[in-house]
Amino acid sequence: MKTLFSKTLFAALLVCLTCLSAIAAEAPEKAEASFTARELWRAFQDNMETAEQELIGKTVQIHGIVVDTGMSIYLTPNVKLSDTANGTIYVNCVLPRSDTVLLSDFSKGERVTMSGRVYRFSATNSSVVVKQSQRVKE
């Protein structure tokens, strides 16, 4: 009887720990700084080395206007931000693959706030890539 109780208690403990770790994994990181799309891009333009040291890997909020949405060549959904509806793309916000259905929630010309982890500056596209992006409810 004591063995059965111990096994049941152990199983219940495992279930609780699994649930807690799943909840913790879904909690978004708090943004360390807030930028407009152009300000974030400008930080890399002004001093690439400093921007890489201070921003790569950091979670930030980005305020901008949606220029385009779509899928990357890696099949990840992305939202491209600028300071005007037809402007230069300053930030490419890459969403998790599981959020592909959310792309229809973004409209060209819409003002949005996104949160995500700064990944790198893409010299090819001359834009800042921000991964694990999500829309911030305003």
N, C-alpha and C. Protein backbone atom coordinates (compact mmCIF):
# COMPACT_ATOMS: atom_id res chain seq x y z
N MET A 1 0.83 -1.19 0.00
CA MET A 1 0.00 0.00 0.00
C MET A 1 0.87 1.26 0.00
N LYS A 2 1.94 1.23 0.82
CA LYS A 2 2.83 2.38 0.90
C LYS A 2 3.52 2.64 -0.45
N THR A 3 3.88 1.57 -1.17
CA THR A 3 4.52 1.68 -2.48
C THR A 3 3.56 2.31 -3.49
N LEU A 4 2.32 1.89 -3.48
CA LEU A 4 1.31 2.43 -4.39
C LEU A 4 1.11 3.92 -4.14
N PHE A 5 1.03 4.30 -2.87
CA PHE A 5 0.88 5.71 -2.51
C PHE A 5 2.09 6.52 -2.99
N SER A 6 3.28 6.00 -2.81
CA SER A 6 4.51 6.69 -3.23
C SER A 6 4.54 6.87 -4.74
N LYS A 7 4.17 5.84 -5.48
CA LYS A 7 4.16 5.92 -6.95
C LYS A 7 3.12 6.93 -7.43
N THR A 8 1.96 6.94 -6.78
CA THR A 8 0.90 7.88 -7.15
C THR A 8 1.33 9.32 -6.87
N LEU A 9 1.94 9.52 -5.71
CA LEU A 9 2.42 10.85 -5.35
C LEU A 9 3.51 11.31 -6.30
N PHE A 10 4.41 10.42 -6.66
CA PHE A 10 5.49 10.74 -7.61
C PHE A 10 4.91 11.11 -8.97
N ALA A 11 3.93 10.35 -9.45
CA ALA A 11 3.30 10.62 -10.75
C ALA A 11 2.60 11.99 -10.73
N ALA A 12 1.92 12.29 -9.63
CA ALA A 12 1.24 13.59 -9.52
C ALA A 12 2.25 14.73 -9.52
N LEU A 13 3.37 14.53 -8.84
CA LEU A 13 4.42 15.54 -8.81
C LEU A 13 4.99 15.78 -10.20
N LEU A 14 5.22 14.72 -10.96
CA LEU A 14 5.72 14.86 -12.33
C LEU A 14 4.76 15.64 -13.21
N VAL A 15 3.46 15.35 -13.08
CA VAL A 15 2.44 16.06 -13.86
C VAL A 15 2.47 17.55 -13.52
N CYS A 16 2.56 17.88 -12.24
CA CYS A 16 2.60 19.29 -11.81
C CYS A 16 3.84 20.00 -12.35
N LEU A 17 4.98 19.35 -12.26
CA LEU A 17 6.22 19.96 -12.77
C LEU A 17 6.16 20.18 -14.27
N THR A 18 5.58 19.22 -15.01
CA THR A 18 5.44 19.36 -16.45
C THR A 18 4.54 20.54 -16.79
N CYS A 19 3.44 20.68 -16.07
CA CYS A 19 2.51 21.80 -16.32
C CYS A 19 3.18 23.14 -16.02
N LEU A 20 3.90 23.22 -14.93
CA LEU A 20 4.57 24.47 -14.57
C LEU A 20 5.64 24.86 -15.58
N SER A 21 6.41 23.88 -16.06
CA SER A 21 7.45 24.21 -17.03
C SER A 21 6.84 24.64 -18.35
N ALA A 22 5.69 24.07 -18.73
CA ALA A 22 5.01 24.48 -19.96
C ALA A 22 4.49 25.91 -19.84
N ILE A 23 3.95 26.25 -18.69
CA ILE A 23 3.46 27.62 -18.47
C ILE A 23 4.62 28.60 -18.51
N ALA A 24 5.72 28.28 -17.88
CA ALA A 24 6.89 29.15 -17.86
C ALA A 24 7.46 29.33 -19.25
N ALA A 25 7.44 28.29 -20.07
CA ALA A 25 7.99 28.37 -21.41
C ALA A 25 7.15 29.28 -22.30
N GLU A 26 5.86 29.39 -22.03
CA GLU A 26 4.99 30.21 -22.86
C GLU A 26 4.98 31.68 -22.43
N ALA A 27 5.48 31.99 -21.28
CA ALA A 27 5.49 33.36 -20.81
C ALA A 27 6.48 34.18 -21.62
N PRO A 28 6.04 35.25 -22.29
CA PRO A 28 6.95 36.04 -23.11
C PRO A 28 7.95 36.81 -22.25
N GLU A 29 9.13 37.00 -22.82
CA GLU A 29 10.14 37.78 -22.11
C GLU A 29 9.72 39.24 -22.11
N LYS A 30 10.09 39.93 -21.06
CA LYS A 30 9.79 41.36 -20.96
C LYS A 30 10.77 42.12 -21.83
N ALA A 31 10.27 43.05 -22.61
CA ALA A 31 11.11 43.85 -23.49
C ALA A 31 12.05 44.72 -22.67
N GLU A 32 13.31 44.78 -23.10
CA GLU A 32 14.32 45.56 -22.40
C GLU A 32 14.37 47.00 -22.90
N ALA A 33 13.90 47.23 -24.13
CA ALA A 33 13.93 48.58 -24.70
C ALA A 33 12.81 48.70 -25.73
N SER A 34 12.50 49.92 -26.10
CA SER A 34 11.45 50.19 -27.06
C SER A 34 11.99 51.13 -28.14
N PHE A 35 11.70 50.80 -29.41
CA PHE A 35 12.19 51.57 -30.55
C PHE A 35 11.09 51.72 -31.59
N THR A 36 11.20 52.75 -32.41
CA THR A 36 10.45 52.74 -33.65
C THR A 36 11.25 51.86 -34.60
N ALA A 37 10.63 51.40 -35.67
CA ALA A 37 11.35 50.55 -36.63
C ALA A 37 12.58 51.28 -37.17
N ARG A 38 12.42 52.55 -37.48
CA ARG A 38 13.54 53.32 -38.04
C ARG A 38 14.65 53.52 -37.00
N GLU A 39 14.29 53.75 -35.73
CA GLU A 39 15.31 53.93 -34.68
C GLU A 39 16.16 52.67 -34.51
N LEU A 40 15.50 51.52 -34.51
CA LEU A 40 16.24 50.27 -34.36
C LEU A 40 17.19 50.07 -35.55
N TRP A 41 16.71 50.30 -36.75
CA TRP A 41 17.52 50.20 -37.96
C TRP A 41 18.68 51.20 -37.91
N ARG A 42 18.38 52.42 -37.49
CA ARG A 42 19.38 53.49 -37.41
C ARG A 42 20.50 53.13 -36.43
N ALA A 43 20.17 52.47 -35.34
CA ALA A 43 21.19 52.06 -34.37
C ALA A 43 22.25 51.18 -35.04
N PHE A 44 21.82 50.29 -35.94
CA PHE A 44 22.78 49.44 -36.66
C PHE A 44 23.51 50.23 -37.74
N GLN A 45 22.84 51.18 -38.36
CA GLN A 45 23.49 52.00 -39.39
C GLN A 45 24.56 52.90 -38.80
N ASP A 46 24.26 53.49 -37.65
CA ASP A 46 25.19 54.44 -37.03
C ASP A 46 26.45 53.77 -36.49
N ASN A 47 26.29 52.61 -35.84
CA ASN A 47 27.44 51.94 -35.26
C ASN A 47 27.12 50.45 -35.13
N MET A 48 27.46 49.69 -36.15
CA MET A 48 27.14 48.27 -36.22
C MET A 48 27.69 47.50 -35.02
N GLU A 49 28.95 47.74 -34.68
CA GLU A 49 29.59 47.00 -33.60
C GLU A 49 28.89 47.24 -32.26
N THR A 50 28.61 48.49 -31.95
CA THR A 50 27.93 48.82 -30.69
C THR A 50 26.52 48.24 -30.67
N ALA A 51 25.81 48.38 -31.76
CA ALA A 51 24.44 47.85 -31.83
C ALA A 51 24.43 46.34 -31.64
N GLU A 52 25.39 45.65 -32.26
CA GLU A 52 25.45 44.19 -32.10
C GLU A 52 25.71 43.82 -30.64
N GLN A 53 26.63 44.52 -30.00
CA GLN A 53 26.96 44.23 -28.60
C GLN A 53 25.78 44.51 -27.67
N GLU A 54 25.07 45.60 -27.94
CA GLU A 54 24.01 46.03 -27.03
C GLU A 54 22.64 45.43 -27.33
N LEU A 55 22.41 45.00 -28.58
CA LEU A 55 21.05 44.60 -28.95
C LEU A 55 20.86 43.14 -29.33
N ILE A 56 21.87 42.50 -29.92
CA ILE A 56 21.71 41.11 -30.34
C ILE A 56 21.37 40.24 -29.12
N GLY A 57 20.30 39.47 -29.26
CA GLY A 57 19.86 38.59 -28.18
C GLY A 57 18.92 39.24 -27.18
N LYS A 58 18.74 40.55 -27.28
CA LYS A 58 17.87 41.27 -26.35
C LYS A 58 16.43 41.27 -26.88
N THR A 59 15.49 41.25 -25.96
CA THR A 59 14.08 41.35 -26.33
C THR A 59 13.69 42.83 -26.33
N VAL A 60 13.12 43.28 -27.45
CA VAL A 60 12.76 44.69 -27.60
C VAL A 60 11.33 44.81 -28.11
N GLN A 61 10.77 46.01 -27.95
CA GLN A 61 9.50 46.35 -28.58
C GLN A 61 9.80 47.24 -29.76
N ILE A 62 9.06 47.02 -30.86
CA ILE A 62 9.24 47.82 -32.06
C ILE A 62 7.89 48.38 -32.48
N HIS A 63 7.84 49.69 -32.68
CA HIS A 63 6.63 50.37 -33.15
C HIS A 63 6.86 50.70 -34.62
N GLY A 64 5.92 50.32 -35.47
CA GLY A 64 6.08 50.61 -36.88
C GLY A 64 4.80 50.43 -37.65
N ILE A 65 4.92 50.60 -38.95
CA ILE A 65 3.79 50.45 -39.86
C ILE A 65 4.06 49.26 -40.76
N VAL A 66 3.07 48.40 -40.90
CA VAL A 66 3.21 47.19 -41.70
C VAL A 66 3.36 47.57 -43.18
N VAL A 67 4.45 47.09 -43.77
CA VAL A 67 4.70 47.30 -45.20
C VAL A 67 4.29 46.05 -45.97
N ASP A 68 4.56 44.88 -45.37
CA ASP A 68 4.30 43.62 -46.05
C ASP A 68 4.27 42.48 -45.03
N THR A 69 3.59 41.40 -45.41
CA THR A 69 3.62 40.17 -44.62
C THR A 69 3.85 39.03 -45.58
N GLY A 70 4.29 37.91 -45.07
CA GLY A 70 4.48 36.76 -45.95
C GLY A 70 5.28 35.67 -45.28
N MET A 71 5.74 34.74 -46.12
CA MET A 71 6.53 33.61 -45.65
C MET A 71 7.94 33.76 -46.20
N SER A 72 8.92 33.44 -45.34
CA SER A 72 10.31 33.51 -45.78
C SER A 72 10.66 32.25 -46.57
N ILE A 73 11.88 32.20 -47.09
CA ILE A 73 12.33 31.01 -47.81
C ILE A 73 12.47 29.83 -46.85
N TYR A 74 12.50 30.12 -45.55
CA TYR A 74 12.59 29.07 -44.53
C TYR A 74 11.20 28.67 -44.02
N LEU A 75 10.16 29.17 -44.70
CA LEU A 75 8.76 28.90 -44.35
C LEU A 75 8.39 29.40 -42.96
N THR A 76 8.94 30.55 -42.60
CA THR A 76 8.55 31.20 -41.35
C THR A 76 7.75 32.46 -41.69
N PRO A 77 6.67 32.70 -40.95
CA PRO A 77 5.87 33.90 -41.21
C PRO A 77 6.61 35.15 -40.75
N ASN A 78 6.47 36.23 -41.51
CA ASN A 78 7.13 37.47 -41.11
C ASN A 78 6.29 38.68 -41.43
N VAL A 79 6.52 39.72 -40.62
CA VAL A 79 5.85 41.00 -40.78
C VAL A 79 6.95 42.04 -40.93
N LYS A 80 6.91 42.79 -42.03
CA LYS A 80 7.94 43.79 -42.30
C LYS A 80 7.44 45.17 -41.93
N LEU A 81 8.28 45.90 -41.16
CA LEU A 81 7.87 47.20 -40.63
C LEU A 81 8.71 48.34 -41.17
N SER A 82 8.07 49.50 -41.28
CA SER A 82 8.72 50.73 -41.71
C SER A 82 8.12 51.87 -40.90
N ASP A 83 8.35 53.10 -41.40
CA ASP A 83 7.74 54.26 -40.75
C ASP A 83 6.60 54.83 -41.59
N THR A 84 6.40 54.29 -42.79
CA THR A 84 5.27 54.65 -43.64
C THR A 84 4.78 53.39 -44.36
N ALA A 85 3.57 53.41 -44.87
CA ALA A 85 2.97 52.24 -45.51
C ALA A 85 3.75 51.74 -46.73
N ASN A 86 4.36 52.64 -47.47
CA ASN A 86 5.12 52.25 -48.65
C ASN A 86 6.61 52.51 -48.47
N GLY A 87 7.03 52.62 -47.23
CA GLY A 87 8.41 52.99 -46.95
C GLY A 87 9.41 51.85 -47.03
N THR A 88 10.65 52.20 -46.77
CA THR A 88 11.75 51.25 -46.71
C THR A 88 11.51 50.28 -45.56
N ILE A 89 11.79 49.01 -45.80
CA ILE A 89 11.64 48.01 -44.74
C ILE A 89 12.83 48.14 -43.80
N TYR A 90 12.55 48.48 -42.54
CA TYR A 90 13.60 48.63 -41.54
C TYR A 90 13.75 47.40 -40.66
N VAL A 91 12.62 46.74 -40.37
CA VAL A 91 12.65 45.59 -39.45
C VAL A 91 11.83 44.46 -40.04
N ASN A 92 12.39 43.26 -39.98
CA ASN A 92 11.69 42.06 -40.41
C ASN A 92 11.40 41.24 -39.15
N CYS A 93 10.14 41.23 -38.73
CA CYS A 93 9.74 40.49 -37.53
C CYS A 93 9.34 39.08 -37.93
N VAL A 94 10.11 38.09 -37.47
CA VAL A 94 9.86 36.69 -37.79
C VAL A 94 9.05 36.08 -36.65
N LEU A 95 7.87 35.58 -37.00
CA LEU A 95 6.99 34.95 -36.03
C LEU A 95 7.28 33.46 -35.95
N PRO A 96 6.91 32.81 -34.86
CA PRO A 96 7.04 31.34 -34.79
C PRO A 96 6.18 30.70 -35.88
N ARG A 97 6.60 29.56 -36.39
CA ARG A 97 5.83 28.87 -37.44
C ARG A 97 4.39 28.61 -37.01
N SER A 98 4.20 28.34 -35.73
CA SER A 98 2.85 28.06 -35.23
C SER A 98 1.92 29.27 -35.33
N ASP A 99 2.48 30.46 -35.57
CA ASP A 99 1.68 31.68 -35.67
C ASP A 99 1.40 32.08 -37.12
N THR A 100 1.62 31.18 -38.06
CA THR A 100 1.39 31.48 -39.48
C THR A 100 -0.02 31.99 -39.72
N VAL A 101 -1.00 31.41 -39.05
CA VAL A 101 -2.40 31.82 -39.25
C VAL A 101 -2.64 33.27 -38.82
N LEU A 102 -1.75 33.82 -37.99
CA LEU A 102 -1.92 35.19 -37.50
C LEU A 102 -1.56 36.25 -38.54
N LEU A 103 -0.91 35.84 -39.63
CA LEU A 103 -0.52 36.82 -40.65
C LEU A 103 -1.73 37.57 -41.21
N SER A 104 -2.86 36.92 -41.28
CA SER A 104 -4.06 37.57 -41.81
C SER A 104 -4.58 38.67 -40.88
N ASP A 105 -4.05 38.73 -39.66
CA ASP A 105 -4.46 39.77 -38.71
C ASP A 105 -3.73 41.09 -38.95
N PHE A 106 -2.75 41.09 -39.85
CA PHE A 106 -1.97 42.30 -40.14
C PHE A 106 -2.38 42.87 -41.49
N SER A 107 -2.55 44.19 -41.54
CA SER A 107 -2.92 44.86 -42.79
C SER A 107 -1.85 45.87 -43.17
N LYS A 108 -1.57 45.96 -44.46
CA LYS A 108 -0.60 46.94 -44.94
C LYS A 108 -1.07 48.34 -44.52
N GLY A 109 -0.14 49.12 -43.99
CA GLY A 109 -0.45 50.47 -43.55
C GLY A 109 -0.89 50.56 -42.10
N GLU A 110 -1.08 49.41 -41.46
CA GLU A 110 -1.52 49.38 -40.07
C GLU A 110 -0.36 49.68 -39.13
N ARG A 111 -0.62 50.50 -38.13
CA ARG A 111 0.38 50.80 -37.09
C ARG A 111 0.32 49.69 -36.05
N VAL A 112 1.49 49.05 -35.75
CA VAL A 112 1.54 47.95 -34.80
C VAL A 112 2.72 48.10 -33.86
N THR A 113 2.64 47.39 -32.76
CA THR A 113 3.77 47.25 -31.85
C THR A 113 4.07 45.76 -31.76
N MET A 114 5.32 45.41 -32.01
CA MET A 114 5.77 44.03 -31.96
C MET A 114 6.82 43.89 -30.86
N SER A 115 6.96 42.68 -30.36
CA SER A 115 7.99 42.37 -29.39
C SER A 115 8.74 41.15 -29.92
N GLY A 116 10.05 41.13 -29.71
CA GLY A 116 10.83 39.99 -30.17
C GLY A 116 12.29 40.13 -29.80
N ARG A 117 13.05 39.09 -30.13
CA ARG A 117 14.48 39.04 -29.81
C ARG A 117 15.29 39.45 -31.04
N VAL A 118 16.13 40.47 -30.87
CA VAL A 118 16.97 40.95 -31.98
C VAL A 118 17.94 39.84 -32.34
N TYR A 119 17.92 39.45 -33.63
CA TYR A 119 18.73 38.32 -34.10
C TYR A 119 19.99 38.79 -34.82
N ARG A 120 19.82 39.69 -35.79
CA ARG A 120 20.97 40.19 -36.54
C ARG A 120 20.55 41.32 -37.47
N PHE A 121 21.54 41.94 -38.07
CA PHE A 121 21.29 42.90 -39.13
C PHE A 121 21.56 42.19 -40.44
N SER A 122 20.61 42.18 -41.33
CA SER A 122 20.77 41.53 -42.63
C SER A 122 21.31 42.54 -43.64
N ALA A 123 22.57 42.36 -44.01
CA ALA A 123 23.18 43.25 -45.00
C ALA A 123 22.52 43.06 -46.36
N THR A 124 22.06 41.85 -46.63
CA THR A 124 21.41 41.55 -47.91
C THR A 124 20.17 42.40 -48.11
N ASN A 125 19.34 42.47 -47.07
CA ASN A 125 18.07 43.21 -47.15
C ASN A 125 18.15 44.57 -46.48
N SER A 126 19.27 44.87 -45.86
CA SER A 126 19.47 46.12 -45.13
C SER A 126 18.34 46.36 -44.12
N SER A 127 18.05 45.30 -43.34
CA SER A 127 17.02 45.42 -42.31
C SER A 127 17.44 44.62 -41.08
N VAL A 128 16.82 44.96 -39.96
CA VAL A 128 17.08 44.26 -38.70
C VAL A 128 16.13 43.07 -38.63
N VAL A 129 16.67 41.90 -38.33
CA VAL A 129 15.86 40.69 -38.19
C VAL A 129 15.57 40.47 -36.71
N VAL A 130 14.29 40.37 -36.39
CA VAL A 130 13.84 40.16 -35.02
C VAL A 130 13.05 38.85 -34.99
N LYS A 131 13.53 37.88 -34.21
CA LYS A 131 12.88 36.57 -34.16
C LYS A 131 12.01 36.44 -32.91
N GLN A 132 11.24 35.35 -32.90
CA GLN A 132 10.28 35.07 -31.82
C GLN A 132 9.37 36.28 -31.60
N SER A 133 8.98 36.87 -32.70
CA SER A 133 8.15 38.07 -32.65
C SER A 133 6.70 37.76 -32.35
N GLN A 134 6.08 38.70 -31.69
CA GLN A 134 4.65 38.61 -31.44
C GLN A 134 4.09 40.01 -31.34
N ARG A 135 2.83 40.11 -31.68
CA ARG A 135 2.16 41.41 -31.60
C ARG A 135 1.87 41.75 -30.14
N VAL A 136 2.11 43.00 -29.80
CA VAL A 136 1.82 43.48 -28.45
C VAL A 136 0.44 44.13 -28.49
N LYS A 137 -0.41 43.71 -27.59
CA LYS A 137 -1.75 44.31 -27.51
C LYS A 137 -1.62 45.71 -26.96
N GLU A 138 -2.19 46.66 -27.68
CA GLU A 138 -2.08 48.07 -27.27
C GLU A 138 -3.34 48.54 -26.60
